[in-house]
Amino acid sequence: GQAYALLIGILIQPMYLGHLGAETYGLIGFFAVLQTWLQLLDVGISASLVRDVAHGRGQTGAGRTRGQLLRSLEFIFIPLATLAFVAIELNAEWMAGHWLNVQGLPTETVAHCIGLMGLMIAFRLLSTLYKSGVQGVELHGWLNMVNVLIATVRYFGGLVLVMWISQEPLDFFVFQAFVAVFEMLVYALKAYRLLPNPTWWSGFDWQRVKPIVPFALSMSFTSILWIALTQLDKLVLSKALPLAEYGYFSLVALISTGIVTLTNPLVQALLPRMTVLVSQDKPLELERLYRN
């Protein structure tokens, strides 16, 4: 499923560039950079949720508290997502007028598009949390199906839009924002069903969150290193290059680095399974799985 999403992305992105123009595609590349950098707001929380849910599945009596952890993490994620949206929205005009080297598009249109990027980033941050809960339960078949569905709607729906309906950049980003909302709702509903909370109106439970903090911080440090090493050039070039040239650069970067993402399915499938084996004290089975 992830290979499918990667393949249609590589095939359709050049068509986006052809129909929308290089400058508008530069905005798509800038959105990808913003989204990657703002993954730092996750601070390792989603990976910690995967690990905790999987660990709980290997122990009797631990299932009841998984919903409490999800609800507590929402009290962290929802303000972070809101903060990201507000910060991008408030600085959209500055980014359009002073950071990006826009030549052909109206600055006001670019600012509106950047505001929509902030909205999409907020909803995708929330999607990451809910998706992590489902991943911890090891429903990989369901995740695969939804991943294919979302990728199809996002890429083919966008292609239909720019080919036959509108080539306006604002219309394209409005459509993508609706897809982001739909994606978040699908993952949220599934996570609530799999990880029910004993009381609907319960709040933040520090005692439930506290044990995952060390793991979350270590994952956060790893994320900072990875993003700094792989994304700093893209951030710098978004200011240094004319937006049209940055569009071509973004397309080449997508195609040349896309193959690396094919390791993600292995991580997604193996992390919760190995965590379950650790919680069940089965080191021989864990070693056999790892070596295979």
C-alpha atoms as a PDB file:
ATOM      1  CA  GLY A   1       0.000   0.000   0.000  1.00  0.00           C
ATOM      2  CA  GLN A   2       2.788   2.445   0.783  1.00  0.00           C
ATOM      3  CA  ALA A   3       4.558   1.449  -2.421  1.00  0.00           C
ATOM      4  CA  TYR A   4       1.316   2.265  -4.272  1.00  0.00           C
ATOM      5  CA  ALA A   5       1.099   5.705  -2.630  1.00  0.00           C
ATOM      6  CA  LEU A   6       4.743   6.388  -3.480  1.00  0.00           C
ATOM      7  CA  LEU A   7       4.377   5.227  -7.088  1.00  0.00           C
ATOM      8  CA  ILE A   8       1.281   7.256  -7.935  1.00  0.00           C
ATOM      9  CA  GLY A   9       2.864  10.259  -6.224  1.00  0.00           C
ATOM     10  CA  ILE A  10       5.923   9.994  -8.475  1.00  0.00           C
ATOM     11  CA  LEU A  11       3.742   9.496 -11.559  1.00  0.00           C
ATOM     12  CA  ILE A  12       1.206  12.255 -10.847  1.00  0.00           C
ATOM     13  CA  GLN A  13       3.412  14.993  -9.361  1.00  0.00           C
ATOM     14  CA  PRO A  14       4.942  15.848 -12.789  1.00  0.00           C
ATOM     15  CA  MET A  15       1.374  16.191 -14.113  1.00  0.00           C
ATOM     16  CA  TYR A  16       0.625  18.630 -11.292  1.00  0.00           C
ATOM     17  CA  LEU A  17       3.635  20.662 -12.378  1.00  0.00           C
ATOM     18  CA  GLY A  18       2.486  20.615 -15.992  1.00  0.00           C
ATOM     19  CA  HIS A  19      -1.068  21.772 -15.243  1.00  0.00           C
ATOM     20  CA  LEU A  20      -0.466  24.104 -12.294  1.00  0.00           C
ATOM     21  CA  GLY A  21       2.819  25.650 -13.425  1.00  0.00           C
ATOM     22  CA  ALA A  22       6.231  25.656 -11.780  1.00  0.00           C
ATOM     23  CA  GLU A  23       5.460  28.400  -9.246  1.00  0.00           C
ATOM     24  CA  THR A  24       2.338  26.716  -7.901  1.00  0.00           C
ATOM     25  CA  TYR A  25       4.203  23.436  -7.731  1.00  0.00           C
ATOM     26  CA  GLY A  26       6.885  25.291  -5.772  1.00  0.00           C
ATOM     27  CA  LEU A  27       4.175  25.992  -3.186  1.00  0.00           C
ATOM     28  CA  ILE A  28       3.482  22.243  -2.998  1.00  0.00           C
ATOM     29  CA  GLY A  29       7.183  21.650  -2.382  1.00  0.00           C
ATOM     30  CA  PHE A  30       7.217  24.365   0.291  1.00  0.00           C
ATOM     31  CA  PHE A  31       4.240  22.697   1.985  1.00  0.00           C
ATOM     32  CA  ALA A  32       6.144  19.400   2.106  1.00  0.00           C
ATOM     33  CA  VAL A  33       9.072  21.158   3.799  1.00  0.00           C
ATOM     34  CA  LEU A  34       6.841  22.907   6.343  1.00  0.00           C
ATOM     35  CA  GLN A  35       5.075  19.658   7.147  1.00  0.00           C
ATOM     36  CA  THR A  36       8.342  17.787   7.694  1.00  0.00           C
ATOM     37  CA  TRP A  37       9.804  20.445   9.986  1.00  0.00           C
ATOM     38  CA  LEU A  38       6.615  20.666  12.026  1.00  0.00           C
ATOM     39  CA  GLN A  39       6.773  16.927  12.649  1.00  0.00           C
ATOM     40  CA  LEU A  40       9.132  18.026  15.413  1.00  0.00           C
ATOM     41  CA  LEU A  41       5.998  19.040  17.345  1.00  0.00           C
ATOM     42  CA  ASP A  42       5.272  15.336  17.668  1.00  0.00           C
ATOM     43  CA  VAL A  43       8.255  15.110  20.103  1.00  0.00           C
ATOM     44  CA  GLY A  44       8.185  11.311  19.850  1.00  0.00           C
ATOM     45  CA  ILE A  45       4.628  11.027  21.162  1.00  0.00           C
ATOM     46  CA  SER A  46       3.150   9.006  18.288  1.00  0.00           C
ATOM     47  CA  ALA A  47       5.995   6.453  18.367  1.00  0.00           C
ATOM     48  CA  SER A  48       5.534   6.180  22.134  1.00  0.00           C
ATOM     49  CA  LEU A  49       1.826   5.466  21.665  1.00  0.00           C
ATOM     50  CA  VAL A  50       2.599   2.654  19.194  1.00  0.00           C
ATOM     51  CA  ARG A  51       5.046   1.149  21.664  1.00  0.00           C
ATOM     52  CA  ASP A  52       2.722   1.482  24.673  1.00  0.00           C
ATOM     53  CA  VAL A  53      -0.317   0.017  22.931  1.00  0.00           C
ATOM     54  CA  ALA A  54       1.712  -2.908  21.573  1.00  0.00           C
ATOM     55  CA  HIS A  55       3.325  -3.517  24.970  1.00  0.00           C
ATOM     56  CA  GLY A  56      -0.096  -3.506  26.630  1.00  0.00           C
ATOM     57  CA  ARG A  57      -1.378  -6.112  24.181  1.00  0.00           C
ATOM     58  CA  GLY A  58       1.263  -8.520  25.470  1.00  0.00           C
ATOM     59  CA  GLN A  59       0.123  -8.160  29.074  1.00  0.00           C
ATOM     60  CA  THR A  60      -3.150  -9.137  30.681  1.00  0.00           C
ATOM     61  CA  GLY A  61      -5.258  -6.378  32.183  1.00  0.00           C
ATOM     62  CA  ALA A  62      -3.455  -3.538  30.400  1.00  0.00           C
ATOM     63  CA  GLY A  63      -6.077  -2.918  27.714  1.00  0.00           C
ATOM     64  CA  ARG A  64      -8.303  -0.680  29.811  1.00  0.00           C
ATOM     65  CA  THR A  65      -5.710   2.075  30.167  1.00  0.00           C
ATOM     66  CA  ARG A  66      -4.802   2.391  26.478  1.00  0.00           C
ATOM     67  CA  GLY A  67      -7.804   4.627  25.841  1.00  0.00           C
ATOM     68  CA  GLN A  68      -6.816   6.776  28.827  1.00  0.00           C
ATOM     69  CA  LEU A  69      -3.380   7.298  27.292  1.00  0.00           C
ATOM     70  CA  LEU A  70      -4.856   8.271  23.915  1.00  0.00           C
ATOM     71  CA  ARG A  71      -7.163  10.792  25.583  1.00  0.00           C
ATOM     72  CA  SER A  72      -4.272  12.245  27.613  1.00  0.00           C
ATOM     73  CA  LEU A  73      -2.105  12.570  24.503  1.00  0.00           C
ATOM     74  CA  GLU A  74      -4.945  14.418  22.760  1.00  0.00           C
ATOM     75  CA  PHE A  75      -4.555  17.101  25.441  1.00  0.00           C
ATOM     76  CA  ILE A  76      -0.987  17.537  24.159  1.00  0.00           C
ATOM     77  CA  PHE A  77      -1.541  17.096  20.432  1.00  0.00           C
ATOM     78  CA  ILE A  78      -4.620  19.256  19.905  1.00  0.00           C
ATOM     79  CA  PRO A  79      -3.000  22.408  21.401  1.00  0.00           C
ATOM     80  CA  LEU A  80       0.202  21.710  19.430  1.00  0.00           C
ATOM     81  CA  ALA A  81      -1.748  21.315  16.185  1.00  0.00           C
ATOM     82  CA  THR A  82      -3.734  24.481  16.928  1.00  0.00           C
ATOM     83  CA  LEU A  83      -0.527  26.366  17.729  1.00  0.00           C
ATOM     84  CA  ALA A  84       1.021  25.239  14.435  1.00  0.00           C
ATOM     85  CA  PHE A  85      -2.007  26.430  12.454  1.00  0.00           C
ATOM     86  CA  VAL A  86      -2.194  29.806  14.218  1.00  0.00           C
ATOM     87  CA  ALA A  87       1.553  30.434  13.844  1.00  0.00           C
ATOM     88  CA  ILE A  88       1.494  29.671  10.107  1.00  0.00           C
ATOM     89  CA  GLU A  89      -1.693  31.676   9.537  1.00  0.00           C
ATOM     90  CA  LEU A  90      -0.312  34.733  11.350  1.00  0.00           C
ATOM     91  CA  ASN A  91       2.952  34.602   9.385  1.00  0.00           C
ATOM     92  CA  ALA A  92       1.471  33.641   6.004  1.00  0.00           C
ATOM     93  CA  GLU A  93       1.718  37.146   4.528  1.00  0.00           C
ATOM     94  CA  TRP A  94       5.328  37.527   5.698  1.00  0.00           C
ATOM     95  CA  MET A  95       6.310  34.159   4.201  1.00  0.00           C
ATOM     96  CA  ALA A  96       4.569  35.023   0.932  1.00  0.00           C
ATOM     97  CA  GLY A  97       6.114  38.477   0.688  1.00  0.00           C
ATOM     98  CA  HIS A  98       9.567  38.054   2.236  1.00  0.00           C
ATOM     99  CA  TRP A  99      10.573  34.390   2.435  1.00  0.00           C
ATOM    100  CA  LEU A 100       9.388  32.919  -0.852  1.00  0.00           C
ATOM    101  CA  ASN A 101      10.741  34.444  -4.046  1.00  0.00           C
ATOM    102  CA  VAL A 102       7.381  34.793  -5.821  1.00  0.00           C
ATOM    103  CA  GLN A 103       7.403  36.309  -9.295  1.00  0.00           C
ATOM    104  CA  GLY A 104       4.190  35.440 -11.135  1.00  0.00           C
ATOM    105  CA  LEU A 105       1.551  34.602  -8.516  1.00  0.00           C
ATOM    106  CA  PRO A 106      -0.314  37.279  -6.527  1.00  0.00           C
ATOM    107  CA  THR A 107       1.145  37.607  -3.033  1.00  0.00           C
ATOM    108  CA  GLU A 108      -2.346  37.530  -1.509  1.00  0.00           C
ATOM    109  CA  THR A 109      -3.091  34.189  -3.195  1.00  0.00           C
ATOM    110  CA  VAL A 110       0.191  32.723  -1.977  1.00  0.00           C
ATOM    111  CA  ALA A 111      -0.592  33.911   1.576  1.00  0.00           C
ATOM    112  CA  HIS A 112      -4.023  32.222   1.482  1.00  0.00           C
ATOM    113  CA  CYS A 113      -2.397  29.003   0.235  1.00  0.00           C
ATOM    114  CA  ILE A 114       0.126  29.106   3.079  1.00  0.00           C
ATOM    115  CA  GLY A 115      -2.726  29.540   5.563  1.00  0.00           C
ATOM    116  CA  LEU A 116      -4.359  26.405   4.160  1.00  0.00           C
ATOM    117  CA  MET A 117      -1.017  24.618   4.535  1.00  0.00           C
ATOM    118  CA  GLY A 118      -1.173  25.403   8.253  1.00  0.00           C
ATOM    119  CA  LEU A 119      -4.653  23.902   8.462  1.00  0.00           C
ATOM    120  CA  MET A 120      -3.536  20.742   6.643  1.00  0.00           C
ATOM    121  CA  ILE A 121      -0.474  20.374   8.863  1.00  0.00           C
ATOM    122  CA  ALA A 122      -2.649  20.632  11.984  1.00  0.00           C
ATOM    123  CA  PHE A 123      -5.013  17.891  10.808  1.00  0.00           C
ATOM    124  CA  ARG A 124      -2.149  15.655   9.671  1.00  0.00           C
ATOM    125  CA  LEU A 125      -0.497  15.986  13.082  1.00  0.00           C
ATOM    126  CA  LEU A 126      -3.714  14.708  14.646  1.00  0.00           C
ATOM    127  CA  SER A 127      -3.928  11.950  12.027  1.00  0.00           C
ATOM    128  CA  THR A 128      -0.454  10.787  13.059  1.00  0.00           C
ATOM    129  CA  LEU A 129      -1.605  10.338  16.666  1.00  0.00           C
ATOM    130  CA  TYR A 130      -4.723   8.342  15.803  1.00  0.00           C
ATOM    131  CA  LYS A 131      -2.922   6.293  13.156  1.00  0.00           C
ATOM    132  CA  SER A 132      -0.272   5.368  15.729  1.00  0.00           C
ATOM    133  CA  GLY A 133      -2.953   3.949  18.006  1.00  0.00           C
ATOM    134  CA  VAL A 134      -4.239   1.729  15.200  1.00  0.00           C
ATOM    135  CA  GLN A 135      -0.681   0.715  14.297  1.00  0.00           C
ATOM    136  CA  GLY A 136      -0.043  -0.439  17.859  1.00  0.00           C
ATOM    137  CA  VAL A 137      -2.988  -2.843  17.574  1.00  0.00           C
ATOM    138  CA  GLU A 138      -1.311  -4.238  14.422  1.00  0.00           C
ATOM    139  CA  LEU A 139      -4.265  -3.696  12.103  1.00  0.00           C
ATOM    140  CA  HIS A 140      -1.901  -3.410   9.161  1.00  0.00           C
ATOM    141  CA  GLY A 141      -4.425  -4.682   6.637  1.00  0.00           C
ATOM    142  CA  TRP A 142      -6.891  -1.952   7.587  1.00  0.00           C
ATOM    143  CA  LEU A 143      -4.145   0.690   7.610  1.00  0.00           C
ATOM    144  CA  ASN A 144      -3.045  -0.497   4.191  1.00  0.00           C
ATOM    145  CA  MET A 145      -6.560  -0.201   2.790  1.00  0.00           C
ATOM    146  CA  VAL A 146      -7.049   3.304   4.184  1.00  0.00           C
ATOM    147  CA  ASN A 147      -3.602   4.382   2.983  1.00  0.00           C
ATOM    148  CA  VAL A 148      -4.492   3.310  -0.559  1.00  0.00           C
ATOM    149  CA  LEU A 149      -7.884   5.060  -0.331  1.00  0.00           C
ATOM    150  CA  ILE A 150      -6.448   8.350   0.952  1.00  0.00           C
ATOM    151  CA  ALA A 151      -3.611   8.320  -1.588  1.00  0.00           C
ATOM    152  CA  THR A 152      -6.074   7.672  -4.427  1.00  0.00           C
ATOM    153  CA  VAL A 153      -8.378  10.510  -3.370  1.00  0.00           C
ATOM    154  CA  ARG A 154      -5.480  12.883  -2.720  1.00  0.00           C
ATOM    155  CA  TYR A 155      -3.565  12.316  -5.960  1.00  0.00           C
ATOM    156  CA  PHE A 156      -6.178  11.259  -8.513  1.00  0.00           C
ATOM    157  CA  GLY A 157      -8.768  13.663  -7.082  1.00  0.00           C
ATOM    158  CA  GLY A 158      -6.220  16.461  -7.295  1.00  0.00           C
ATOM    159  CA  LEU A 159      -5.353  15.471 -10.850  1.00  0.00           C
ATOM    160  CA  VAL A 160      -9.007  15.558 -11.931  1.00  0.00           C
ATOM    161  CA  LEU A 161      -9.309  18.979 -10.322  1.00  0.00           C
ATOM    162  CA  VAL A 162      -6.315  20.540 -12.096  1.00  0.00           C
ATOM    163  CA  MET A 163      -6.982  18.862 -15.456  1.00  0.00           C
ATOM    164  CA  TRP A 164     -10.689  19.583 -15.911  1.00  0.00           C
ATOM    165  CA  ILE A 165     -11.984  21.922 -13.206  1.00  0.00           C
ATOM    166  CA  SER A 166      -9.501  24.571 -12.052  1.00  0.00           C
ATOM    167  CA  GLN A 167      -5.805  25.347 -12.218  1.00  0.00           C
ATOM    168  CA  GLU A 168      -6.051  27.978  -9.485  1.00  0.00           C
ATOM    169  CA  PRO A 169      -3.571  27.219  -6.670  1.00  0.00           C
ATOM    170  CA  LEU A 170      -6.100  28.222  -4.004  1.00  0.00           C
ATOM    171  CA  ASP A 171      -8.655  25.698  -5.303  1.00  0.00           C
ATOM    172  CA  PHE A 172      -6.011  22.962  -5.239  1.00  0.00           C
ATOM    173  CA  PHE A 173      -5.063  23.638  -1.613  1.00  0.00           C
ATOM    174  CA  VAL A 174      -8.723  23.862  -0.537  1.00  0.00           C
ATOM    175  CA  PHE A 175      -9.278  20.394  -2.003  1.00  0.00           C
ATOM    176  CA  GLN A 176      -6.192  19.031  -0.239  1.00  0.00           C
ATOM    177  CA  ALA A 177      -7.395  20.547   3.046  1.00  0.00           C
ATOM    178  CA  PHE A 178     -10.697  18.646   2.739  1.00  0.00           C
ATOM    179  CA  VAL A 179      -8.739  15.433   2.140  1.00  0.00           C
ATOM    180  CA  ALA A 180      -6.679  16.098   5.284  1.00  0.00           C
ATOM    181  CA  VAL A 181      -9.869  16.548   7.353  1.00  0.00           C
ATOM    182  CA  PHE A 182     -11.318  13.321   5.928  1.00  0.00           C
ATOM    183  CA  GLU A 183      -8.104  11.432   6.687  1.00  0.00           C
ATOM    184  CA  MET A 184      -8.045  12.637  10.296  1.00  0.00           C
ATOM    185  CA  LEU A 185     -11.696  11.670  10.878  1.00  0.00           C
ATOM    186  CA  VAL A 186     -11.192   8.140   9.491  1.00  0.00           C
ATOM    187  CA  TYR A 187      -8.209   7.451  11.752  1.00  0.00           C
ATOM    188  CA  ALA A 188      -9.828   9.113  14.779  1.00  0.00           C
ATOM    189  CA  LEU A 189     -13.025   7.068  14.570  1.00  0.00           C
ATOM    190  CA  LYS A 190     -11.060   3.831  14.248  1.00  0.00           C
ATOM    191  CA  ALA A 191      -8.736   4.719  17.133  1.00  0.00           C
ATOM    192  CA  TYR A 192     -11.691   5.566  19.407  1.00  0.00           C
ATOM    193  CA  ARG A 193     -13.291   2.225  18.628  1.00  0.00           C
ATOM    194  CA  LEU A 194     -10.103   0.211  19.219  1.00  0.00           C
ATOM    195  CA  LEU A 195      -8.909   2.180  22.254  1.00  0.00           C
ATOM    196  CA  PRO A 196     -12.088   3.148  24.110  1.00  0.00           C
ATOM    197  CA  ASN A 197     -11.748   5.429  27.105  1.00  0.00           C
ATOM    198  CA  PRO A 198     -13.560   4.271  30.273  1.00  0.00           C
ATOM    199  CA  THR A 199     -15.076   7.738  30.724  1.00  0.00           C
ATOM    200  CA  TRP A 200     -15.767   9.994  27.737  1.00  0.00           C
ATOM    201  CA  TRP A 201     -15.108  13.279  29.559  1.00  0.00           C
ATOM    202  CA  SER A 202     -11.918  12.220  31.359  1.00  0.00           C
ATOM    203  CA  GLY A 203      -9.018  14.643  31.126  1.00  0.00           C
ATOM    204  CA  PHE A 204      -5.255  14.596  31.166  1.00  0.00           C
ATOM    205  CA  ASP A 205      -3.728  11.794  33.279  1.00  0.00           C
ATOM    206  CA  TRP A 206      -0.101  12.598  34.075  1.00  0.00           C
ATOM    207  CA  GLN A 207       0.459   9.238  35.775  1.00  0.00           C
ATOM    208  CA  ARG A 208      -0.465   7.525  32.524  1.00  0.00           C
ATOM    209  CA  VAL A 209       1.750   9.790  30.397  1.00  0.00           C
ATOM    210  CA  LYS A 210       4.788   9.941  32.693  1.00  0.00           C
ATOM    211  CA  PRO A 211       6.179   6.431  31.888  1.00  0.00           C
ATOM    212  CA  ILE A 212       6.429   7.174  28.145  1.00  0.00           C
ATOM    213  CA  VAL A 213       8.283  10.498  28.535  1.00  0.00           C
ATOM    214  CA  PRO A 214      11.874   9.090  28.429  1.00  0.00           C
ATOM    215  CA  PHE A 215      11.169   7.078  25.274  1.00  0.00           C
ATOM    216  CA  ALA A 216       9.380  10.047  23.671  1.00  0.00           C
ATOM    217  CA  LEU A 217      12.318  12.364  24.372  1.00  0.00           C
ATOM    218  CA  SER A 218      14.819   9.927  22.868  1.00  0.00           C
ATOM    219  CA  MET A 219      12.649   9.558  19.745  1.00  0.00           C
ATOM    220  CA  SER A 220      12.317  13.342  19.563  1.00  0.00           C
ATOM    221  CA  PHE A 221      16.108  13.788  19.602  1.00  0.00           C
ATOM    222  CA  THR A 222      16.447  11.260  16.760  1.00  0.00           C
ATOM    223  CA  SER A 223      13.775  13.110  14.765  1.00  0.00           C
ATOM    224  CA  ILE A 224      15.542  16.441  15.217  1.00  0.00           C
ATOM    225  CA  LEU A 225      18.774  14.985  13.853  1.00  0.00           C
ATOM    226  CA  TRP A 226      17.059  13.290  10.914  1.00  0.00           C
ATOM    227  CA  ILE A 227      15.033  16.352   9.892  1.00  0.00           C
ATOM    228  CA  ALA A 228      17.991  18.717  10.270  1.00  0.00           C
ATOM    229  CA  LEU A 229      20.242  16.505   8.144  1.00  0.00           C
ATOM    230  CA  THR A 230      17.727  15.732   5.389  1.00  0.00           C
ATOM    231  CA  GLN A 231      15.569  18.878   5.192  1.00  0.00           C
ATOM    232  CA  LEU A 232      17.833  21.845   5.911  1.00  0.00           C
ATOM    233  CA  ASP A 233      18.827  22.236   2.242  1.00  0.00           C
ATOM    234  CA  LYS A 234      15.161  22.302   1.187  1.00  0.00           C
ATOM    235  CA  LEU A 235      14.350  24.997   3.740  1.00  0.00           C
ATOM    236  CA  VAL A 236      17.302  27.184   2.706  1.00  0.00           C
ATOM    237  CA  LEU A 237      16.589  26.791  -1.017  1.00  0.00           C
ATOM    238  CA  SER A 238      12.924  27.746  -0.521  1.00  0.00           C
ATOM    239  CA  LYS A 239      14.218  31.263   0.210  1.00  0.00           C
ATOM    240  CA  ALA A 240      17.254  31.311  -2.081  1.00  0.00           C
ATOM    241  CA  LEU A 241      15.632  30.100  -5.314  1.00  0.00           C
ATOM    242  CA  PRO A 242      12.875  31.712  -7.358  1.00  0.00           C
ATOM    243  CA  LEU A 243       9.662  29.853  -6.566  1.00  0.00           C
ATOM    244  CA  ALA A 244       9.440  28.404 -10.086  1.00  0.00           C
ATOM    245  CA  GLU A 245      12.954  26.935  -9.884  1.00  0.00           C
ATOM    246  CA  TYR A 246      12.152  25.648  -6.400  1.00  0.00           C
ATOM    247  CA  GLY A 247       9.193  23.804  -7.944  1.00  0.00           C
ATOM    248  CA  TYR A 248      11.494  21.864 -10.265  1.00  0.00           C
ATOM    249  CA  PHE A 249      13.905  21.197  -7.405  1.00  0.00           C
ATOM    250  CA  SER A 250      11.034  19.850  -5.261  1.00  0.00           C
ATOM    251  CA  LEU A 251       9.964  17.430  -7.972  1.00  0.00           C
ATOM    252  CA  VAL A 252      13.493  16.058  -8.414  1.00  0.00           C
ATOM    253  CA  ALA A 253      13.917  15.767  -4.629  1.00  0.00           C
ATOM    254  CA  LEU A 254      10.637  13.844  -4.353  1.00  0.00           C
ATOM    255  CA  ILE A 255      11.604  11.307  -7.003  1.00  0.00           C
ATOM    256  CA  SER A 256      15.209  10.842  -5.874  1.00  0.00           C
ATOM    257  CA  THR A 257      14.421  10.388  -2.169  1.00  0.00           C
ATOM    258  CA  GLY A 258      11.141   8.516  -2.532  1.00  0.00           C
ATOM    259  CA  ILE A 259      12.769   5.094  -2.523  1.00  0.00           C
ATOM    260  CA  VAL A 260      13.935   5.643   1.082  1.00  0.00           C
ATOM    261  CA  THR A 261      10.326   5.698   2.256  1.00  0.00           C
ATOM    262  CA  LEU A 262       9.923   2.058   1.227  1.00  0.00           C
ATOM    263  CA  THR A 263      11.559   1.133   4.557  1.00  0.00           C
ATOM    264  CA  ASN A 264       8.525   2.571   6.389  1.00  0.00           C
ATOM    265  CA  PRO A 265       6.317  -0.529   5.956  1.00  0.00           C
ATOM    266  CA  LEU A 266       8.973  -2.674   7.658  1.00  0.00           C
ATOM    267  CA  VAL A 267       9.117  -0.299  10.614  1.00  0.00           C
ATOM    268  CA  GLN A 268       5.329  -0.080  10.813  1.00  0.00           C
ATOM    269  CA  ALA A 269       4.891  -3.859  10.888  1.00  0.00           C
ATOM    270  CA  LEU A 270       7.895  -4.877  12.996  1.00  0.00           C
ATOM    271  CA  LEU A 271       7.911  -2.294  15.798  1.00  0.00           C
ATOM    272  CA  PRO A 272       4.618  -3.325  17.465  1.00  0.00           C
ATOM    273  CA  ARG A 273       5.254  -7.050  16.925  1.00  0.00           C
ATOM    274  CA  MET A 274       8.724  -6.883  18.493  1.00  0.00           C
ATOM    275  CA  THR A 275       7.326  -4.836  21.385  1.00  0.00           C
ATOM    276  CA  VAL A 276       4.677  -7.500  22.063  1.00  0.00           C
ATOM    277  CA  LEU A 277       7.369 -10.200  22.133  1.00  0.00           C
ATOM    278  CA  VAL A 278       9.437  -8.163  24.590  1.00  0.00           C
ATOM    279  CA  SER A 279       6.439  -7.665  26.882  1.00  0.00           C
ATOM    280  CA  GLN A 280       5.781 -11.440  26.783  1.00  0.00           C
ATOM    281  CA  ASP A 281       9.436 -12.182  27.621  1.00  0.00           C
ATOM    282  CA  LYS A 282      10.089 -14.194  24.458  1.00  0.00           C
ATOM    283  CA  PRO A 283      13.687 -13.250  23.549  1.00  0.00           C
ATOM    284  CA  LEU A 284      14.256 -16.241  21.263  1.00  0.00           C
ATOM    285  CA  GLU A 285      11.211 -15.460  19.111  1.00  0.00           C
ATOM    286  CA  LEU A 286      12.233 -11.803  19.062  1.00  0.00           C
ATOM    287  CA  GLU A 287      15.743 -12.672  17.874  1.00  0.00           C
ATOM    288  CA  ARG A 288      14.378 -15.034  15.203  1.00  0.00           C
ATOM    289  CA  LEU A 289      12.031 -12.370  13.869  1.00  0.00           C
ATOM    290  CA  TYR A 290      14.771  -9.725  13.862  1.00  0.00           C
ATOM    291  CA  ARG A 291      17.238 -11.944  12.018  1.00  0.00           C
ATOM    292  CA  ASN A 292      14.628 -13.017   9.458  1.00  0.00           C
END
